[in-house]
Amino acid sequence: MFSSVAHLARANPFNTPHLQLVHDGLGDLRSSSPGPTGQPRRPRNLAAAAVEEQYSCDYGSGRFFILCGLGGIISCGTTHTALVPLDLVKCRMQGLCKFGFYEVFKVLYSNMLGEENTYLWRTSLYLAASASAEFFADIALAPMEAAKVRIQTQPGYANTLRDAAPKMYKEEGLKAFYKGVAPLWMRQIPYTMMKFACFERTVEALYKFVVPKPRSECSKPEQLVVTFVAGYIAGVFCAIVSHPADSVVSVLNKEKGSSASLVLKRLGFKGVWKGLFARIIMIGTLTALQWFIYDSVKVYFRLPRPPPPEMPESLKKKLGLTQ
């Protein structure tokens, strides 16, 4: 699978080495005026850029996806170190699947769309890739979530996942682990779609309207600051989108026999938004740290990090933006 994805990724418009070289002006090397020795004149930042862009693997390779998954584990695991062991395992699993699968699906869907449509429909691509990643992440998460609920709601049933899983399987079979996957999808997929799509478009907007110089001229620490800010903004939107549902779920977990419609009616419009500011602070900070750590892992392992996408030259010609 990874070999076929890597083959497709070489022509992917998100492929950092290609875009970064063009962005740095290295793509025009052949057309530049000759130097004193008759060779094409090299841009002044060429040597620095060449050193900077020495990646440890190709974009879209198996190693790239594996290290992205590791980055997700480190990111989510680090930001949830205070959790109980079962929750910590869940968060690491979620980090692996969310970030790792997101990169996989972003490459696959981009190659399905082609270079021009990838640019035009990039927000939809981010949404589809993150939704697909969360879909599979929840399948992996559902058994642990089911065991956690069983342990918490039935005192004395079991103390650990290792104890609970065999008992649940003996009583209900596989159904015991996946009967809650649909509600999990309903809660987690919209949240993750906002987390990834908002982050991607916010990074693009920050470099376009806020950062006073191109990304290629920013140092790695400066780029990581942009990552943190974009992650915080994405976290704010995540908190707003998910807060009403979380308010209802919190009440449902406390009151046995209640239904979502009854709780929603009792809380009313103001009630479902109670505590939003505190949630924004919490989710915003958490999301910002996760993106910052994830991007830092990419920097540490010298992974390709795509710059904000630019309109392809072929599309510019079609739209009459170039001669």
Protein backbone atom coordinates (compact mmCIF):
# COMPACT_ATOMS: atom_id res chain seq x y z
CA MET A 1 0.00 0.00 0.00
CA PHE A 2 2.68 2.48 1.04
CA SER A 3 4.69 1.86 -2.13
CA SER A 4 1.71 2.73 -4.34
CA VAL A 5 0.91 5.80 -2.26
CA ALA A 6 4.53 6.93 -2.47
CA HIS A 7 4.44 6.57 -6.26
CA LEU A 8 1.34 8.76 -6.46
CA ALA A 9 2.74 11.29 -4.01
CA ARG A 10 5.66 12.21 -6.24
CA ALA A 11 3.31 14.17 -8.49
CA ASN A 12 1.22 15.47 -5.59
CA PRO A 13 0.74 19.24 -5.44
CA PHE A 14 1.37 19.04 -1.69
CA ASN A 15 4.82 17.57 -2.33
CA THR A 16 6.99 19.94 -0.36
CA PRO A 17 10.32 19.64 -2.18
CA HIS A 18 8.75 20.65 -5.49
CA LEU A 19 6.64 23.48 -4.14
CA GLN A 20 9.34 24.76 -1.84
CA LEU A 21 11.89 24.93 -4.64
CA VAL A 22 9.48 26.85 -6.82
CA HIS A 23 8.55 29.10 -3.90
CA ASP A 24 12.20 29.82 -3.24
CA GLY A 25 12.72 30.75 -6.87
CA LEU A 26 14.87 27.70 -7.58
CA GLY A 27 12.52 26.53 -10.29
CA ASP A 28 13.71 29.41 -12.49
CA LEU A 29 17.34 28.39 -12.22
CA ARG A 30 17.63 27.43 -15.87
CA SER A 31 16.24 30.72 -17.09
CA SER A 32 18.46 32.88 -14.91
CA SER A 33 21.28 34.88 -16.42
CA PRO A 34 24.64 33.12 -16.68
CA GLY A 35 27.33 33.76 -14.15
CA PRO A 36 30.96 34.59 -14.82
CA THR A 37 31.83 30.93 -15.55
CA GLY A 38 28.99 30.49 -18.01
CA GLN A 39 26.87 28.54 -15.53
CA PRO A 40 23.37 29.72 -14.60
CA ARG A 41 23.53 32.35 -11.90
CA ARG A 42 22.41 30.80 -8.61
CA PRO A 43 20.13 32.77 -6.29
CA ARG A 44 21.88 34.03 -3.19
CA ASN A 45 19.83 31.79 -0.89
CA LEU A 46 20.31 28.65 -3.00
CA ALA A 47 23.05 27.13 -0.86
CA ALA A 48 21.14 27.73 2.36
CA ALA A 49 17.93 26.39 0.83
CA ALA A 50 19.70 23.30 -0.48
CA VAL A 51 21.00 22.52 3.00
CA GLU A 52 17.67 23.32 4.62
CA GLU A 53 15.67 21.08 2.31
CA GLN A 54 17.66 17.88 2.91
CA TYR A 55 14.80 15.64 4.03
CA SER A 56 15.14 12.29 5.75
CA CYS A 57 12.55 10.68 3.43
CA ASP A 58 10.36 11.35 0.43
CA TYR A 59 6.96 12.95 0.80
CA GLY A 60 4.33 10.22 0.78
CA SER A 61 6.77 7.38 1.43
CA GLY A 62 6.12 4.64 3.97
CA ARG A 63 8.68 6.16 6.32
CA PHE A 64 6.96 9.54 6.01
CA PHE A 65 3.57 8.15 7.03
CA ILE A 66 5.03 6.07 9.87
CA LEU A 67 6.86 9.05 11.34
CA CYS A 68 3.74 11.21 10.98
CA GLY A 69 1.87 8.56 12.97
CA LEU A 70 4.63 8.64 15.58
CA GLY A 71 4.29 12.41 15.68
CA GLY A 72 0.59 12.01 16.39
CA ILE A 73 1.32 9.58 19.23
CA ILE A 74 3.83 11.96 20.79
CA SER A 75 1.56 14.96 20.27
CA CYS A 76 -1.59 13.50 21.81
CA GLY A 77 0.28 11.45 24.42
CA THR A 78 2.25 14.45 25.67
CA THR A 79 -0.82 16.68 26.02
CA HIS A 80 -2.69 13.99 27.98
CA THR A 81 0.02 12.83 30.39
CA ALA A 82 -2.23 13.47 33.39
CA LEU A 83 -4.87 11.00 32.22
CA VAL A 84 -5.46 7.54 33.68
CA PRO A 85 -3.63 4.73 31.82
CA LEU A 86 -6.63 3.62 29.73
CA ASP A 87 -7.37 7.19 28.59
CA LEU A 88 -3.69 7.69 27.77
CA VAL A 89 -3.68 4.58 25.56
CA LYS A 90 -6.81 5.87 23.83
CA CYS A 91 -5.26 9.26 23.15
CA ARG A 92 -2.09 7.72 21.73
CA MET A 93 -4.16 5.48 19.47
CA GLN A 94 -6.19 8.49 18.36
CA GLY A 95 -3.03 10.48 17.66
CA LEU A 96 -1.57 7.67 15.57
CA CYS A 97 -4.71 7.24 13.47
CA LYS A 98 -5.77 10.88 13.21
CA PHE A 99 -2.50 12.43 12.14
CA GLY A 100 -1.06 9.41 10.33
CA PHE A 101 -4.19 8.56 8.34
CA TYR A 102 -4.86 12.24 7.62
CA GLU A 103 -1.56 12.48 5.76
CA VAL A 104 -2.37 9.27 3.85
CA PHE A 105 -5.83 10.37 2.79
CA LYS A 106 -4.65 13.87 1.91
CA VAL A 107 -2.21 12.38 -0.59
CA LEU A 108 -4.72 9.86 -1.97
CA TYR A 109 -7.55 12.35 -2.43
CA SER A 110 -5.22 14.97 -3.88
CA ASN A 111 -4.04 12.57 -6.55
CA MET A 112 -7.65 11.61 -7.31
CA LEU A 113 -8.53 15.27 -7.85
CA GLY A 114 -5.46 16.33 -9.78
CA GLU A 115 -3.31 19.41 -9.26
CA GLU A 116 -5.81 22.08 -10.30
CA ASN A 117 -8.84 20.65 -8.50
CA THR A 118 -6.73 20.02 -5.41
CA TYR A 119 -6.09 23.74 -5.20
CA LEU A 120 -9.66 24.79 -6.01
CA TRP A 121 -11.23 22.25 -3.64
CA ARG A 122 -8.53 22.17 -0.98
CA THR A 123 -10.91 22.93 1.90
CA SER A 124 -13.15 20.03 0.86
CA LEU A 125 -10.04 17.87 0.57
CA TYR A 126 -8.98 18.74 4.13
CA LEU A 127 -12.48 17.97 5.38
CA ALA A 128 -12.69 14.66 3.53
CA ALA A 129 -9.20 13.53 4.57
CA SER A 130 -9.75 14.36 8.24
CA ALA A 131 -13.21 12.75 8.26
CA SER A 132 -11.78 9.57 6.73
CA ALA A 133 -8.94 9.52 9.25
CA GLU A 134 -11.34 9.94 12.17
CA PHE A 135 -13.64 7.25 10.77
CA PHE A 136 -10.90 4.64 11.07
CA ALA A 137 -9.51 6.14 14.28
CA ASP A 138 -12.88 5.64 15.95
CA ILE A 139 -13.03 2.02 14.81
CA ALA A 140 -9.74 1.50 16.61
CA LEU A 141 -10.91 3.55 19.60
CA ALA A 142 -14.39 2.03 20.03
CA PRO A 143 -13.31 -1.13 21.93
CA MET A 144 -11.33 0.88 24.47
CA GLU A 145 -14.16 3.41 24.83
CA ALA A 146 -16.65 0.59 25.39
CA ALA A 147 -14.42 -1.02 28.02
CA LYS A 148 -13.93 2.31 29.77
CA VAL A 149 -17.67 2.92 29.97
CA ARG A 150 -18.27 -0.61 31.27
CA ILE A 151 -15.59 -0.22 33.97
CA GLN A 152 -16.87 3.19 35.07
CA THR A 153 -20.59 2.41 35.05
CA GLN A 154 -20.45 -1.08 36.59
CA PRO A 155 -18.36 -1.01 39.78
CA GLY A 156 -16.56 -4.27 40.37
CA TYR A 157 -16.92 -5.44 36.77
CA ALA A 158 -13.21 -5.03 36.00
CA ASN A 159 -10.31 -2.74 36.78
CA THR A 160 -8.35 -2.80 33.53
CA LEU A 161 -8.92 -3.20 29.81
CA ARG A 162 -7.19 -6.58 29.96
CA ASP A 163 -9.74 -7.76 32.51
CA ALA A 164 -12.80 -6.18 30.89
CA ALA A 165 -12.26 -7.19 27.25
CA PRO A 166 -12.49 -11.01 27.67
CA LYS A 167 -15.60 -10.70 29.86
CA MET A 168 -17.33 -8.38 27.39
CA TYR A 169 -16.52 -10.66 24.46
CA LYS A 170 -17.82 -13.71 26.32
CA GLU A 171 -21.08 -11.94 27.18
CA GLU A 172 -21.90 -10.18 23.88
CA GLY A 173 -19.26 -11.03 21.31
CA LEU A 174 -17.79 -8.31 19.04
CA LYS A 175 -21.00 -6.31 19.32
CA ALA A 176 -20.02 -5.33 22.84
CA PHE A 177 -17.07 -3.35 21.50
CA TYR A 178 -18.70 -1.63 18.52
CA LYS A 179 -22.29 -0.84 19.46
CA GLY A 180 -21.18 2.65 20.45
CA VAL A 181 -19.14 3.40 17.33
CA ALA A 182 -21.95 5.31 15.55
CA PRO A 183 -22.40 7.88 18.37
CA LEU A 184 -18.61 8.13 18.51
CA TRP A 185 -18.52 9.00 14.80
CA MET A 186 -21.23 11.63 15.29
CA ARG A 187 -19.25 13.29 18.06
CA GLN A 188 -15.70 12.96 16.83
CA ILE A 189 -15.84 13.34 13.04
CA PRO A 190 -17.21 16.93 12.97
CA TYR A 191 -14.70 17.91 15.66
CA THR A 192 -11.76 16.47 13.75
CA MET A 193 -12.91 17.96 10.44
CA MET A 194 -12.89 21.40 12.03
CA LYS A 195 -9.56 20.74 13.77
CA PHE A 196 -7.69 19.90 10.57
CA ALA A 197 -9.47 21.99 7.92
CA CYS A 198 -9.50 25.15 10.05
CA PHE A 199 -5.83 24.68 10.90
CA GLU A 200 -4.79 24.26 7.26
CA ARG A 201 -6.70 27.31 6.04
CA THR A 202 -5.58 29.40 9.03
CA VAL A 203 -1.92 28.64 8.30
CA GLU A 204 -2.51 29.70 4.71
CA ALA A 205 -4.21 32.94 5.82
CA LEU A 206 -1.50 33.79 8.36
CA TYR A 207 1.29 33.53 5.81
CA LYS A 208 -0.74 35.49 3.28
CA PHE A 209 -2.05 38.34 5.42
CA VAL A 210 -0.15 38.44 8.73
CA VAL A 211 3.42 37.12 8.45
CA PRO A 212 5.49 39.89 6.83
CA LYS A 213 7.67 37.54 4.76
CA PRO A 214 7.27 34.34 2.75
CA ARG A 215 7.32 31.04 4.59
CA SER A 216 10.53 30.06 2.80
CA GLU A 217 12.28 33.01 4.46
CA CYS A 218 11.01 32.14 7.95
CA SER A 219 13.21 30.18 10.30
CA LYS A 220 11.97 26.90 11.74
CA PRO A 221 11.15 28.52 15.14
CA GLU A 222 9.19 31.25 13.34
CA GLN A 223 7.26 28.62 11.38
CA LEU A 224 6.47 26.77 14.60
CA VAL A 225 5.08 29.98 16.11
CA VAL A 226 2.71 30.23 13.14
CA THR A 227 1.78 26.59 13.72
CA PHE A 228 0.95 27.30 17.37
CA VAL A 229 -1.18 30.34 16.55
CA ALA A 230 -3.05 28.50 13.80
CA GLY A 231 -3.59 25.55 16.13
CA TYR A 232 -5.06 27.82 18.80
CA ILE A 233 -7.44 29.45 16.34
CA ALA A 234 -8.50 26.01 15.10
CA GLY A 235 -9.04 24.94 18.70
CA VAL A 236 -11.35 27.90 19.31
CA PHE A 237 -13.57 26.86 16.41
CA CYS A 238 -13.45 23.22 17.55
CA ALA A 239 -14.67 24.25 20.99
CA ILE A 240 -17.52 26.33 19.57
CA VAL A 241 -18.68 23.61 17.17
CA SER A 242 -18.59 20.79 19.73
CA HIS A 243 -19.74 22.61 22.88
CA PRO A 244 -23.54 22.17 22.55
CA ALA A 245 -23.23 18.42 21.94
CA ASP A 246 -20.74 18.04 24.79
CA SER A 247 -23.06 19.91 27.15
CA VAL A 248 -25.90 17.51 26.34
CA VAL A 249 -23.66 14.43 26.60
CA SER A 250 -22.36 15.56 30.00
CA VAL A 251 -25.90 15.73 31.37
CA LEU A 252 -26.82 12.39 29.80
CA ASN A 253 -23.89 10.71 31.52
CA LYS A 254 -25.07 12.02 34.87
CA GLU A 255 -28.77 11.28 34.50
CA LYS A 256 -29.86 7.73 33.74
CA GLY A 257 -32.97 7.36 31.61
CA SER A 258 -32.77 10.84 30.06
CA SER A 259 -32.81 11.40 26.33
CA ALA A 260 -30.87 13.93 24.28
CA SER A 261 -34.07 15.70 23.19
CA LEU A 262 -35.31 16.08 26.78
CA VAL A 263 -31.95 17.36 28.00
CA LEU A 264 -31.69 19.80 25.10
CA LYS A 265 -35.20 21.11 25.78
CA ARG A 266 -34.47 21.58 29.48
CA LEU A 267 -31.13 23.31 28.95
CA GLY A 268 -32.40 25.64 26.27
CA PHE A 269 -30.25 27.81 24.00
CA LYS A 270 -28.37 29.55 26.82
CA GLY A 271 -27.83 26.36 28.75
CA VAL A 272 -26.01 24.49 26.00
CA TRP A 273 -23.54 27.37 25.67
CA LYS A 274 -22.81 27.64 29.39
CA GLY A 275 -19.10 27.28 30.14
CA LEU A 276 -18.07 28.01 26.55
CA PHE A 277 -15.30 30.47 27.49
CA ALA A 278 -13.55 27.99 29.78
CA ARG A 279 -13.86 25.31 27.10
CA ILE A 280 -12.35 27.65 24.49
CA ILE A 281 -9.33 28.24 26.72
CA MET A 282 -8.91 24.52 27.36
CA ILE A 283 -9.49 23.22 23.82
CA GLY A 284 -7.65 26.12 22.20
CA THR A 285 -4.55 25.54 24.29
CA LEU A 286 -4.73 21.76 23.89
CA THR A 287 -5.13 21.94 20.11
CA ALA A 288 -2.36 24.52 19.75
CA LEU A 289 0.04 22.34 21.75
CA GLN A 290 -0.86 19.25 19.73
CA TRP A 291 -0.17 20.96 16.41
CA PHE A 292 3.01 22.56 17.77
CA ILE A 293 4.36 19.23 19.03
CA TYR A 294 3.33 17.41 15.84
CA ASP A 295 5.06 19.98 13.64
CA SER A 296 8.11 19.96 15.93
CA VAL A 297 8.38 16.19 15.49
CA LYS A 298 8.35 16.72 11.72
CA VAL A 299 11.14 19.27 12.07
CA TYR A 300 13.16 16.96 14.32
CA PHE A 301 12.93 14.02 11.91
CA ARG A 302 13.47 16.34 8.91
CA LEU A 303 10.20 15.37 7.26
CA PRO A 304 8.80 17.27 4.27
CA ARG A 305 6.46 19.99 5.52
CA PRO A 306 4.30 21.35 2.68
CA PRO A 307 4.08 25.13 2.46
CA PRO A 308 0.66 26.75 1.95
CA PRO A 309 -0.61 25.69 -1.50
CA GLU A 310 -0.29 28.08 -4.42
CA MET A 311 -2.38 28.26 -7.56
CA PRO A 312 -0.85 26.03 -10.29
CA GLU A 313 0.54 27.81 -13.33
CA SER A 314 -1.82 25.87 -15.59
CA LEU A 315 -4.81 27.19 -13.65
CA LYS A 316 -3.46 30.74 -13.76
CA LYS A 317 -3.29 30.50 -17.55
CA LYS A 318 -6.84 29.16 -17.77
CA LEU A 319 -8.08 32.04 -15.63
CA GLY A 320 -6.08 34.58 -17.62
CA LEU A 321 -3.91 35.57 -14.68
CA THR A 322 -0.67 35.11 -16.59
CA GLN A 323 0.44 35.87 -20.12
